[in-house]
Protein backbone atom coordinates (compact mmCIF):
# COMPACT_ATOMS: atom_id res chain seq x y z
CA MET A 1 37.66 68.44 116.59
CA LYS A 2 40.18 70.96 115.23
CA MET A 3 41.92 70.99 111.87
CA THR A 4 45.46 69.61 111.99
CA LEU A 5 48.65 70.41 110.08
CA ARG A 6 48.45 66.91 108.63
CA GLN A 7 45.00 67.62 107.21
CA LEU A 8 46.13 70.98 105.86
CA SER A 9 49.16 69.35 104.25
CA LEU A 10 46.98 66.73 102.57
CA PHE A 11 44.49 69.37 101.45
CA GLU A 12 47.28 71.52 99.98
CA CYS A 13 48.59 68.50 98.09
CA VAL A 14 45.17 67.60 96.65
CA ALA A 15 44.56 71.26 95.71
CA ARG A 16 47.96 71.51 94.02
CA HIS A 17 47.47 68.38 91.94
CA MET A 18 43.68 68.64 91.68
CA SER A 19 43.74 64.90 92.20
CA TYR A 20 43.22 62.64 95.20
CA THR A 21 45.19 59.90 93.46
CA LYS A 22 48.29 62.02 92.81
CA ALA A 23 48.15 63.43 96.33
CA ALA A 24 48.00 59.91 97.75
CA GLU A 25 51.02 58.92 95.66
CA GLU A 26 53.03 61.94 96.81
CA LYS A 27 52.17 61.36 100.47
CA HIS A 28 52.60 57.57 100.24
CA LEU A 29 49.04 56.94 101.42
CA THR A 30 46.02 55.18 100.02
CA GLN A 31 43.42 57.26 98.25
CA PRO A 32 40.71 56.37 100.82
CA ALA A 33 43.00 57.59 103.62
CA VAL A 34 43.39 60.95 101.89
CA SER A 35 39.64 61.17 101.24
CA ILE A 36 38.84 60.50 104.91
CA GLN A 37 41.19 63.29 106.07
CA ILE A 38 39.71 65.76 103.57
CA LYS A 39 36.19 64.75 104.64
CA GLN A 40 37.05 65.42 108.30
CA LEU A 41 38.55 68.78 107.32
CA GLU A 42 35.37 69.71 105.45
CA GLU A 43 33.30 68.76 108.51
CA HIS A 44 35.41 71.10 110.62
CA VAL A 45 35.15 73.94 108.08
CA GLY A 46 31.44 73.33 107.62
CA LEU A 47 31.65 73.80 103.86
CA PRO A 48 32.74 71.64 100.90
CA LEU A 49 36.30 72.32 99.77
CA PHE A 50 36.16 70.48 96.43
CA GLU A 51 33.50 69.79 93.86
CA TYR A 52 33.32 67.62 90.77
CA ILE A 53 32.05 69.09 87.51
CA GLY A 54 31.79 66.18 85.16
CA LYS A 55 34.81 64.11 86.06
CA LYS A 56 37.08 67.07 86.84
CA LEU A 57 37.90 68.23 90.37
CA TYR A 58 37.65 71.93 91.26
CA LEU A 59 38.15 74.01 94.39
CA THR A 60 35.08 75.67 95.86
CA ASP A 61 35.21 79.27 97.10
CA ALA A 62 35.92 77.93 100.60
CA GLY A 63 38.62 75.70 99.15
CA ARG A 64 40.34 78.64 97.49
CA GLU A 65 40.30 80.58 100.76
CA LEU A 66 41.79 77.60 102.61
CA GLN A 67 44.41 77.10 99.90
CA GLN A 68 45.63 80.67 100.41
CA ALA A 69 45.63 80.18 104.18
CA CYS A 70 47.68 76.98 103.75
CA HIS A 71 50.20 78.88 101.66
CA ASP A 72 50.53 81.48 104.42
CA VAL A 73 50.76 78.87 107.21
CA PHE A 74 53.41 76.73 105.52
CA GLN A 75 55.39 79.80 104.46
CA ARG A 76 55.45 80.98 108.07
CA MET A 77 56.54 77.52 109.23
CA GLU A 78 59.35 77.51 106.68
CA ASN A 79 60.39 81.02 107.73
CA LEU A 80 60.38 79.93 111.37
CA GLU A 81 62.63 77.00 110.59
CA MET A 82 65.05 79.27 108.72
CA ALA A 83 65.01 81.85 111.52
CA LEU A 84 65.79 79.22 114.15
CA THR A 85 68.62 77.87 112.01
CA GLN A 86 69.96 81.41 111.64
CA MET A 87 69.89 81.83 115.42
CA LYS A 88 72.10 78.75 115.65
CA GLY A 89 74.66 80.43 113.43
CA GLY A 90 73.70 79.06 110.03
CA MET A 91 71.50 79.88 107.06
CA HIS A 92 69.40 77.14 105.49
CA GLY A 93 66.12 77.05 103.65
CA ASN A 94 64.63 77.56 100.21
CA LEU A 95 64.70 80.73 98.13
CA ARG A 96 62.42 81.03 95.10
CA ILE A 97 63.17 83.80 92.60
CA ALA A 98 61.28 84.61 89.39
CA THR A 99 62.74 86.81 86.67
CA VAL A 100 61.85 88.18 83.26
CA THR A 101 63.41 86.54 80.22
CA SER A 102 65.81 89.38 79.43
CA ALA A 103 67.52 88.93 82.82
CA LYS A 104 68.43 85.31 82.12
CA TYR A 105 71.93 86.29 80.99
CA PHE A 106 73.06 87.67 84.33
CA ALA A 107 70.54 86.40 86.90
CA PRO A 108 72.48 83.12 87.37
CA HIS A 109 75.59 85.19 88.12
CA LEU A 110 73.71 87.14 90.81
CA ILE A 111 72.57 83.88 92.34
CA GLY A 112 76.11 82.55 92.10
CA GLU A 113 77.47 85.56 94.00
CA PHE A 114 74.96 84.94 96.79
CA ASN A 115 75.47 81.18 96.79
CA ARG A 116 79.18 81.55 97.43
CA HIS A 117 78.34 83.28 100.71
CA TYR A 118 75.31 81.16 101.62
CA PRO A 119 75.97 77.70 100.16
CA ASP A 120 73.34 75.95 102.30
CA VAL A 121 70.40 77.92 100.88
CA ASP A 122 68.56 75.99 98.17
CA LEU A 123 67.87 78.37 95.30
CA SER A 124 65.42 78.04 92.41
CA LEU A 125 65.01 80.42 89.46
CA VAL A 126 61.92 80.70 87.24
CA VAL A 127 62.46 82.54 83.93
CA THR A 128 59.38 83.72 82.03
CA ASN A 129 57.98 86.77 80.23
CA ARG A 130 56.94 89.95 81.99
CA ASN A 131 53.20 89.25 81.94
CA ASN A 132 53.73 85.92 83.69
CA VAL A 133 56.13 87.47 86.19
CA VAL A 134 53.59 90.17 87.07
CA GLN A 135 50.93 87.48 87.56
CA ARG A 136 53.26 85.46 89.79
CA LEU A 137 53.96 88.64 91.76
CA ALA A 138 50.24 89.29 92.20
CA ASN A 139 49.73 85.69 93.37
CA ASN A 140 52.70 85.88 95.78
CA GLU A 141 54.18 82.73 94.24
CA ASP A 142 57.85 83.61 94.80
CA ASP A 143 60.07 85.00 97.53
CA LEU A 144 61.48 87.68 95.23
CA VAL A 145 61.06 88.86 91.66
CA LEU A 146 63.83 90.33 89.50
CA MET A 147 62.55 92.79 86.90
CA ALA A 148 63.14 96.24 85.41
CA GLN A 149 59.66 97.38 84.38
CA VAL A 150 58.06 97.45 87.84
CA PRO A 151 54.23 97.61 87.81
CA ARG A 152 52.92 100.94 89.06
CA ASP A 153 49.46 99.70 89.99
CA MET A 154 50.61 97.27 92.69
CA LYS A 155 51.79 97.93 96.25
CA LEU A 156 55.36 96.71 96.10
CA LYS A 157 58.66 96.98 97.91
CA VAL A 158 61.37 97.73 95.35
CA TYR A 159 65.15 97.39 95.79
CA PRO A 160 67.24 98.75 92.84
CA ILE A 161 70.38 96.64 92.45
CA LEU A 162 71.89 96.97 88.96
CA ASP A 163 71.67 99.20 85.89
CA ASN A 164 70.70 97.69 82.54
CA PRO A 165 71.86 99.75 79.53
CA MET A 166 70.11 99.06 76.19
CA PHE A 167 71.83 100.02 72.92
CA PRO A 168 70.81 100.09 69.24
CA VAL A 169 72.67 97.34 67.34
CA VAL A 170 73.13 96.53 63.67
CA ALA A 171 74.98 93.99 61.55
CA PRO A 172 78.61 94.93 60.74
CA GLY A 173 77.77 95.74 57.10
CA HIS A 174 74.74 97.93 57.88
CA PRO A 175 74.92 101.59 56.66
CA LEU A 176 74.56 102.84 60.25
CA ALA A 177 77.54 100.81 61.49
CA GLY A 178 80.36 103.12 62.51
CA GLN A 179 78.35 106.32 62.18
CA LYS A 180 78.39 108.89 64.96
CA ASN A 181 75.60 111.09 66.32
CA VAL A 182 72.86 109.27 64.44
CA SER A 183 69.52 111.00 64.98
CA ILE A 184 66.70 109.13 66.63
CA GLU A 185 64.52 110.11 63.64
CA ALA A 186 66.93 108.28 61.32
CA LEU A 187 66.85 105.24 63.56
CA ILE A 188 63.07 105.02 63.49
CA GLN A 189 63.16 104.67 59.69
CA GLU A 190 64.73 101.22 60.03
CA ARG A 191 62.85 97.97 60.48
CA PHE A 192 62.97 96.96 64.13
CA LEU A 193 63.21 93.40 65.35
CA THR A 194 61.29 93.20 68.63
CA ARG A 195 60.06 90.79 71.26
CA GLU A 196 56.37 89.92 71.64
CA GLN A 197 53.77 92.23 73.18
CA GLY A 198 54.04 91.98 76.97
CA SER A 199 57.83 91.86 76.94
CA GLY A 200 59.47 94.32 79.32
CA SER A 201 62.26 95.16 76.86
CA ARG A 202 59.76 95.92 74.09
CA LYS A 203 57.81 98.19 76.41
CA ALA A 204 61.01 100.05 77.36
CA ILE A 205 61.84 100.64 73.69
CA GLU A 206 58.33 101.76 72.76
CA ASP A 207 58.17 104.07 75.79
CA HIS A 208 61.53 105.62 74.85
CA PHE A 209 60.41 106.47 71.32
CA LYS A 210 57.06 107.70 72.65
CA GLU A 211 58.90 110.14 74.94
CA HIS A 212 60.45 111.61 71.77
CA GLY A 213 57.14 111.82 69.95
CA LEU A 214 57.91 108.81 67.75
CA LYS A 215 56.36 105.41 67.19
CA LEU A 216 57.76 102.16 65.84
CA GLU A 217 56.14 101.58 62.46
CA GLN A 218 58.25 98.88 60.77
CA THR A 219 58.57 95.91 63.09
CA MET A 220 59.21 92.20 62.90
CA GLU A 221 58.21 90.29 66.02
CA LEU A 222 60.59 87.53 67.07
CA GLY A 223 60.25 85.22 70.06
CA SER A 224 63.49 85.72 71.98
CA SER A 225 66.59 87.86 72.33
CA GLU A 226 68.64 85.05 70.80
CA THR A 227 66.43 85.00 67.70
CA ILE A 228 66.56 88.80 67.47
CA LYS A 229 70.37 88.76 67.58
CA GLN A 230 70.48 86.20 64.78
CA GLY A 231 67.95 88.27 62.82
CA VAL A 232 70.07 91.41 63.14
CA MET A 233 73.18 89.49 62.04
CA ALA A 234 71.21 88.12 59.07
CA GLY A 235 70.29 91.65 57.96
CA LEU A 236 66.56 91.39 58.72
CA GLY A 237 66.60 94.69 60.59
CA ILE A 238 68.03 96.44 63.64
CA SER A 239 67.17 96.25 67.31
CA VAL A 240 67.76 97.69 70.75
CA LEU A 241 69.16 95.12 73.15
CA SER A 242 70.52 94.90 76.66
CA ARG A 243 74.30 95.06 76.89
CA PHE A 244 74.12 91.95 79.05
CA SER A 245 72.53 89.94 76.25
CA MET A 246 75.04 90.81 73.52
CA ALA A 247 78.45 91.10 75.22
CA LEU A 248 79.83 88.11 73.29
CA GLU A 249 78.48 89.30 69.92
CA LEU A 250 79.92 92.80 70.42
CA ALA A 251 83.29 91.43 71.50
CA THR A 252 83.52 89.17 68.42
CA GLY A 253 82.25 91.79 65.97
CA CYS A 254 79.09 89.89 65.03
CA LEU A 255 77.06 92.92 66.12
CA VAL A 256 77.92 96.62 66.18
CA ASP A 257 76.36 99.12 68.56
CA VAL A 258 75.33 102.45 67.04
CA ASP A 259 75.95 105.92 68.46
CA VAL A 260 72.42 107.35 68.55
CA GLU A 261 71.22 110.46 70.36
CA SER A 262 69.23 109.81 73.56
CA PHE A 263 70.68 106.28 73.86
CA PRO A 264 71.43 104.10 75.74
CA ILE A 265 68.13 103.48 77.46
CA VAL A 266 69.16 102.78 81.04
CA ARG A 267 66.72 100.73 83.05
CA THR A 268 67.38 99.48 86.56
CA TRP A 269 67.07 95.88 87.58
CA CYS A 270 65.18 95.64 90.85
CA LEU A 271 64.36 92.99 93.39
CA VAL A 272 60.63 93.24 94.09
CA HIS A 273 58.06 91.72 96.44
CA PRO A 274 54.56 92.63 97.65
CA ALA A 275 54.74 95.48 100.16
CA GLU A 276 52.94 93.52 102.90
CA LYS A 277 55.03 90.39 102.41
CA ARG A 278 57.23 89.32 105.31
CA LEU A 279 60.48 88.07 103.78
CA SER A 280 61.97 84.79 104.88
CA PRO A 281 65.45 85.00 106.44
CA ALA A 282 66.97 83.67 103.21
CA ALA A 283 65.14 86.23 101.05
CA GLN A 284 66.09 89.05 103.42
CA ALA A 285 69.71 87.89 103.32
CA PHE A 286 69.58 87.93 99.50
CA VAL A 287 68.30 91.53 99.46
CA ASP A 288 70.74 92.67 102.14
CA TYR A 289 73.70 91.10 100.36
CA PHE A 290 73.16 93.00 97.13
CA LEU A 291 72.26 96.29 98.78
CA SER A 292 75.38 96.24 100.96
CA ASN A 293 77.74 95.01 98.22
CA GLU A 294 76.48 96.99 95.24
CA GLY A 295 79.92 98.10 94.02
CA GLN A 296 81.51 94.66 94.26
CA VAL A 297 78.53 92.96 92.62
CA LYS A 298 78.52 95.44 89.73
CA GLU A 299 82.25 94.92 89.19
CA ALA A 300 81.92 91.13 89.34
CA ILE A 301 79.05 91.08 86.85
CA SER A 302 80.92 93.48 84.54
CA ASN A 303 84.02 91.26 84.56
CA ARG A 304 81.98 88.18 83.75
CA PHE A 305 80.52 89.89 80.72
CA MET A 306 83.93 90.47 79.15
CA GLY A 307 84.46 94.08 80.03
CA ALA A 308 80.96 95.34 79.26
CA GLU A 309 80.91 98.79 80.82
CA LEU A 310 78.05 99.23 83.24
CA PRO A 311 76.81 102.74 83.97
CA HIS A 312 77.64 104.10 87.41
CA ASN A 313 75.07 106.04 89.42
């Protein structure tokens, strides 16, 4: 007896929910029917796939290996379906993208640009902090990842697509507002409003000051770019923010960017995936679209952010 796709599908469902009951509900089967299929699969494997500790279900080592194999098998099946559809002159399928929190302002616009050309691709976007994105990348949970601070200790394929300038900003009544040629040493004397440890934007700021032999001393940690913007406007301190995240506030005069030496910090947004990963047709189309239309995409994103000037390479 050989393992079947049906058994693998049921196993994947149980492993995802860690529950026979929930798997049975999702597959519209009885719990005994699911248990029988898993039992037959375990007999074929020759090892237990699940174990109970107390009343909680866990994967065994063999179960974890099979779970990864299931992910690979079903991903290949999905890719095959997309490839066959593409051969027929269309593009269908699912595309899963994860991105760091600071990209949430423009990532939907990137997806929108692609969706206008490939309306039959079902897109999903996960927004989370950099640490979680790196973990998702290591676990190969997504088709593509959008980030600026690319890990150096992982074997990755990296596609630069868009520059991300970061500027110092203050409230309109701040003493630095309107000044020219402010020294970076003067800037470091101010209290900085920053994201939490693990944030890509915070790392970029700290690395920039470190390159100039300086270190942030006065900081107030806030949970999001939105909260930081409100904090700057309230006079709690200053910050360095992406131009994408503050286009509206700059245009309305709620925030003022400061002319400081060595700024802006220009990071590059990149599409990233594990080096050995074979992209699905939809993911490859997404990468190809932005690499072949870089100028048009940059102009479209710039226009949507009310004339925010994006650096040109």
